[in-house]
């Protein structure tokens, strides 16, 4: 008697459309940790600022840059691994908490949340991490007031080019005593980009059509300081991707194969 094996197109295709996800609250890591052991990378330009920070037992978070006196300029990155194993995605949602503090001078310069081709650029800042090749979507928190009409703002870049700049709710420089983290929510899909900061909608359906994620795209946080500096802490990171839909032709091919295999074992 021949075995009856039934395949469906949906069943065969499903293995290729799982969404990627990542979450981290840093609570299980010791203060000073620079390797979370989860495939991510924490690095800086030699300042030693990028590490898990234990705030005296009240909370833990990832510190990207440090407020110090005198200021120590540098840059840092927290990069996630490729969540989709080399596959392209058509959208994502991300949430995280951020705390920006400065008690020793003028705050600078900011940080960014990036998704795209990291390439060979290990560091970036409030203007993102586009290295001149590939594709990159960046949302930057510019905390330095340059004067001349360039105040603190939240700005979106596609491949290094600004496509949206908002001063509706500038980055919050918080008191060292209160430690109020602000929650960020980001969503990108074919309808555009949504960014919410501390409960305020910064961008809704922003046109970022110039951004097309390539295979192997990664998420990364980047921050920098210069002659002035600040603390930037990141916590409660959660990222989920939406895979590209399987093409109609592929579905048809798989369906045909499934029917052939089914008949081969039944007949």
Protein backbone atom coordinates (compact mmCIF):
# COMPACT_ATOMS: atom_id res chain seq x y z
CA UNK A 1 0.00 0.00 0.00
CA UNK A 2 1.38 3.40 -0.97
CA UNK A 3 1.45 6.13 1.61
CA UNK A 4 -0.83 9.08 1.06
CA UNK A 5 1.16 12.26 1.45
CA UNK A 6 -0.66 15.50 0.92
CA UNK A 7 1.17 18.80 0.52
CA UNK A 8 -0.36 22.20 0.08
CA UNK A 9 1.15 25.23 -1.60
CA UNK A 10 0.59 27.26 1.54
CA UNK A 11 2.37 24.68 3.65
CA UNK A 12 5.41 24.53 1.41
CA UNK A 13 5.67 28.28 1.05
CA UNK A 14 5.14 29.06 4.72
CA UNK A 15 8.69 28.09 5.65
CA UNK A 16 9.98 30.96 3.56
CA UNK A 17 7.81 33.72 5.00
CA UNK A 18 8.48 33.66 8.72
CA UNK A 19 8.98 37.17 10.07
CA UNK A 20 12.13 38.05 11.98
CA UNK A 21 12.04 39.38 15.52
CA UNK A 22 14.36 40.59 18.26
CA UNK A 23 13.83 41.82 21.81
CA UNK A 24 16.22 42.89 24.56
CA UNK A 25 15.77 44.70 27.88
CA UNK A 26 19.39 44.28 29.09
CA UNK A 27 18.25 43.20 32.56
CA UNK A 28 20.10 39.89 32.45
CA UNK A 29 23.45 41.50 31.56
CA UNK A 30 25.91 42.78 34.12
CA UNK A 31 26.94 46.42 34.20
CA UNK A 32 29.88 47.01 31.88
CA UNK A 33 28.90 44.22 29.50
CA UNK A 34 29.87 44.79 25.85
CA UNK A 35 28.80 41.38 24.52
CA UNK A 36 25.22 40.28 25.05
CA UNK A 37 25.85 36.83 23.59
CA UNK A 38 22.78 37.07 21.35
CA UNK A 39 24.42 37.78 18.00
CA UNK A 40 24.33 41.56 18.34
CA UNK A 41 27.37 43.83 18.35
CA UNK A 42 28.17 46.65 20.78
CA UNK A 43 31.12 48.77 19.71
CA UNK A 44 32.61 52.25 19.98
CA UNK A 45 35.59 54.22 18.73
CA UNK A 46 37.68 53.39 21.77
CA UNK A 47 35.93 55.61 24.31
CA UNK A 48 34.62 52.66 26.30
CA UNK A 49 31.26 54.40 26.58
CA UNK A 50 29.19 51.75 24.75
CA UNK A 51 28.18 49.18 27.35
CA UNK A 52 25.33 47.95 29.49
CA UNK A 53 24.84 50.50 32.26
CA UNK A 54 23.58 49.60 35.72
CA UNK A 55 22.08 52.71 37.32
CA UNK A 56 22.76 51.67 40.90
CA UNK A 57 20.30 48.79 40.77
CA UNK A 58 17.26 50.90 39.79
CA UNK A 59 17.47 50.07 36.07
CA UNK A 60 19.75 48.71 33.36
CA UNK A 61 20.02 49.94 29.79
CA UNK A 62 22.48 50.14 26.93
CA UNK A 63 24.60 53.29 27.09
CA UNK A 64 25.78 54.52 23.68
CA UNK A 65 27.48 57.80 24.62
CA UNK A 66 28.48 59.39 27.90
CA UNK A 67 28.12 62.87 29.37
CA UNK A 68 31.54 63.71 30.80
CA UNK A 69 33.76 66.61 31.76
CA UNK A 70 35.81 67.33 29.79
CA UNK A 71 33.86 66.10 26.78
CA UNK A 72 35.19 62.96 25.10
CA UNK A 73 34.22 62.85 21.43
CA UNK A 74 33.49 59.54 19.81
CA UNK A 75 30.88 57.29 18.24
CA UNK A 76 29.20 54.00 19.05
CA UNK A 77 26.93 51.40 17.49
CA UNK A 78 24.54 48.70 18.62
CA UNK A 79 23.93 46.48 15.58
CA UNK A 80 21.47 43.62 15.33
CA UNK A 81 22.18 40.57 13.21
CA UNK A 82 20.21 39.95 9.99
CA UNK A 83 16.80 38.99 11.39
CA UNK A 84 15.59 37.50 8.11
CA UNK A 85 18.49 35.24 7.15
CA UNK A 86 19.34 37.07 3.95
CA UNK A 87 15.76 37.70 2.81
CA UNK A 88 14.34 41.14 2.00
CA UNK A 89 11.41 42.54 3.97
CA UNK A 90 8.48 44.77 3.05
CA UNK A 91 7.96 46.37 6.44
CA UNK A 92 8.80 46.41 10.12
CA UNK A 93 7.66 47.63 13.50
CA UNK A 94 10.04 48.69 16.25
CA UNK A 95 9.72 50.06 19.75
CA UNK A 96 12.35 51.12 22.24
CA UNK A 97 12.84 53.47 25.17
CA UNK A 98 15.42 56.23 25.04
CA UNK A 99 16.87 58.51 27.71
CA UNK A 100 19.02 61.49 26.68
CA UNK A 101 20.70 63.35 29.52
CA UNK A 102 23.16 66.20 29.86
CA UNK A 103 24.26 67.80 33.12
CA UNK A 104 27.72 69.08 32.24
CA UNK A 105 27.34 71.59 29.41
CA UNK A 106 25.66 71.69 26.02
CA UNK A 107 24.04 68.45 24.78
CA UNK A 108 25.36 66.93 21.54
CA UNK A 109 25.14 65.39 19.08
CA UNK A 110 22.40 62.75 18.96
CA UNK A 111 21.61 59.23 17.85
CA UNK A 112 19.79 57.38 15.08
CA UNK A 113 17.81 54.21 14.47
CA UNK A 114 18.78 52.62 11.14
CA UNK A 115 17.63 49.82 8.87
CA UNK A 116 19.44 48.84 5.70
CA UNK A 117 22.84 47.95 4.30
CA UNK A 118 25.41 48.62 6.98
CA UNK A 119 28.23 47.84 4.58
CA UNK A 120 31.66 48.82 5.89
CA UNK A 121 30.52 51.85 7.89
CA UNK A 122 30.88 50.78 11.54
CA UNK A 123 29.70 54.05 13.10
CA UNK A 124 27.28 56.89 12.48
CA UNK A 125 25.31 59.43 14.43
CA UNK A 126 22.18 61.56 14.34
CA UNK A 127 22.30 61.66 10.53
CA UNK A 128 22.25 57.89 10.16
CA UNK A 129 24.64 55.26 8.87
CA UNK A 130 24.39 55.45 5.08
CA UNK A 131 27.79 54.51 3.65
CA UNK A 132 27.14 55.52 0.03
CA UNK A 133 26.09 52.08 -1.19
CA UNK A 134 23.09 49.86 -0.72
CA UNK A 135 19.92 51.23 0.84
CA UNK A 136 19.38 52.81 4.26
CA UNK A 137 16.45 54.27 6.21
CA UNK A 138 17.47 56.34 9.23
CA UNK A 139 15.51 58.21 11.89
CA UNK A 140 17.78 60.63 13.73
CA UNK A 141 17.44 62.55 17.00
CA UNK A 142 19.55 65.70 16.55
CA UNK A 143 20.19 67.10 20.01
CA UNK A 144 22.58 69.91 19.11
CA UNK A 145 21.26 73.35 18.26
CA UNK A 146 23.53 74.55 15.47
CA UNK A 147 21.81 77.95 15.26
CA UNK A 148 20.92 79.59 11.98
CA UNK A 149 17.61 77.75 11.69
CA UNK A 150 18.96 74.31 12.58
CA UNK A 151 17.52 73.58 16.05
CA UNK A 152 17.10 70.25 17.80
CA UNK A 153 14.85 68.03 15.71
CA UNK A 154 13.87 64.53 14.68
CA UNK A 155 14.84 63.90 11.07
CA UNK A 156 14.36 61.08 8.56
CA UNK A 157 16.95 60.17 5.95
CA UNK A 158 16.73 57.86 2.96
CA UNK A 159 20.14 56.89 1.63
CA UNK A 160 21.69 59.85 3.41
CA UNK A 161 19.20 62.42 2.06
CA UNK A 162 16.75 64.18 4.39
CA UNK A 163 13.11 63.46 3.52
CA UNK A 164 11.46 64.82 6.65
CA UNK A 165 12.43 67.06 9.56
CA UNK A 166 10.26 67.79 12.58
CA UNK A 167 10.59 70.12 15.56
CA UNK A 168 7.12 69.20 16.88
CA UNK A 169 8.73 67.47 19.84
CA UNK A 170 12.49 67.94 19.95
CA UNK A 171 14.69 65.40 21.74
CA UNK A 172 14.22 65.66 25.47
CA UNK A 173 17.30 66.41 27.56
CA UNK A 174 16.31 65.03 30.91
CA UNK A 175 17.39 65.79 34.44
CA UNK A 176 19.91 63.38 35.85
CA UNK A 177 17.68 62.96 38.89
CA UNK A 178 14.38 62.05 37.23
CA UNK A 179 15.54 59.55 34.57
CA UNK A 180 12.35 59.68 32.46
CA UNK A 181 12.77 57.31 29.52
CA UNK A 182 10.77 58.23 26.43
CA UNK A 183 9.10 55.51 24.32
CA UNK A 184 9.66 55.45 20.56
CA UNK A 185 7.42 53.56 18.13
CA UNK A 186 8.40 53.18 14.46
CA UNK A 187 6.51 51.43 11.67
CA UNK A 188 7.43 51.21 7.99
CA UNK A 189 5.51 49.58 5.13
CA UNK A 190 4.30 50.39 1.63
CA UNK A 191 2.09 53.15 3.05
CA UNK A 192 5.04 55.10 4.43
CA UNK A 193 6.80 55.68 7.73
CA UNK A 194 5.20 56.36 11.11
CA UNK A 195 7.23 57.65 14.05
CA UNK A 196 5.81 58.33 17.51
CA UNK A 197 7.96 59.80 20.29
CA UNK A 198 6.79 60.01 23.89
CA UNK A 199 3.17 59.68 22.78
CA UNK A 200 3.44 62.41 20.13
CA UNK A 201 3.07 61.54 16.43
CA UNK A 202 6.16 62.95 14.71
CA UNK A 203 5.59 61.49 11.23
CA UNK A 204 2.54 59.72 9.81
CA UNK A 205 2.69 57.95 6.44
CA UNK A 206 5.85 59.86 5.55
CA UNK A 207 6.85 59.14 1.96
CA UNK A 208 10.12 57.17 2.01
CA UNK A 209 9.61 55.50 -1.36
CA UNK A 210 13.29 55.90 -2.21
CA UNK A 211 14.09 53.26 0.39
CA UNK A 212 14.18 49.66 -0.82
CA UNK A 213 15.66 47.18 1.64
CA UNK A 214 18.13 44.80 0.07
CA UNK A 215 18.91 41.25 1.08
CA UNK A 216 20.82 41.08 4.35
CA UNK A 217 19.58 44.41 5.72
CA UNK A 218 20.26 45.03 9.41
CA UNK A 219 18.95 47.23 12.20
CA UNK A 220 21.40 49.38 14.14
CA UNK A 221 21.49 52.22 16.65
CA UNK A 222 24.26 54.79 16.22
CA UNK A 223 25.29 57.76 18.36
CA UNK A 224 28.11 60.26 18.49
CA UNK A 225 29.56 63.15 20.47
CA UNK A 226 32.15 65.82 19.71
CA UNK A 227 33.24 68.94 21.56
CA UNK A 228 30.02 68.63 23.58
CA UNK A 229 28.39 65.41 24.73
CA UNK A 230 25.49 63.69 26.46
CA UNK A 231 24.31 60.37 27.83
CA UNK A 232 22.24 58.30 25.42
CA UNK A 233 20.60 55.21 26.91
CA UNK A 234 18.54 52.67 24.96
CA UNK A 235 16.24 50.12 26.61
CA UNK A 236 13.35 47.70 25.95
CA UNK A 237 14.20 47.13 22.29
CA UNK A 238 11.66 45.17 20.23
CA UNK A 239 11.82 44.74 16.44
CA UNK A 240 9.58 42.68 14.15
CA UNK A 241 9.88 42.42 10.38
CA UNK A 242 7.28 41.75 7.70
CA UNK A 243 8.65 39.49 4.95
CA UNK A 244 8.17 40.17 1.28
CA UNK A 245 5.13 38.32 -0.12
CA UNK A 246 5.84 35.22 -2.14
CA UNK A 247 5.45 35.96 -5.85
CA UNK A 248 2.42 34.63 -7.68
CA UNK A 249 4.60 32.65 -10.06
CA UNK A 250 6.34 30.93 -7.16
CA UNK A 251 3.03 30.05 -5.57
CA UNK A 252 1.85 28.57 -8.84
CA UNK A 253 5.02 26.53 -9.20
CA UNK A 254 4.82 25.19 -5.67
CA UNK A 255 1.15 24.38 -6.14
CA UNK A 256 1.94 22.38 -9.27
CA UNK A 257 4.71 20.51 -7.49
CA UNK A 258 2.44 19.77 -4.54
CA UNK A 259 -0.26 18.38 -6.85
CA UNK A 260 2.25 16.21 -8.70
CA UNK A 261 3.72 14.83 -5.46
CA UNK A 262 0.26 14.16 -4.08
CA UNK A 263 -0.83 12.24 -7.17
CA UNK A 264 2.48 10.39 -7.34
CA UNK A 265 1.96 8.89 -3.91
CA UNK A 266 -1.77 8.29 -4.21
CA UNK A 267 -1.95 6.71 -7.69
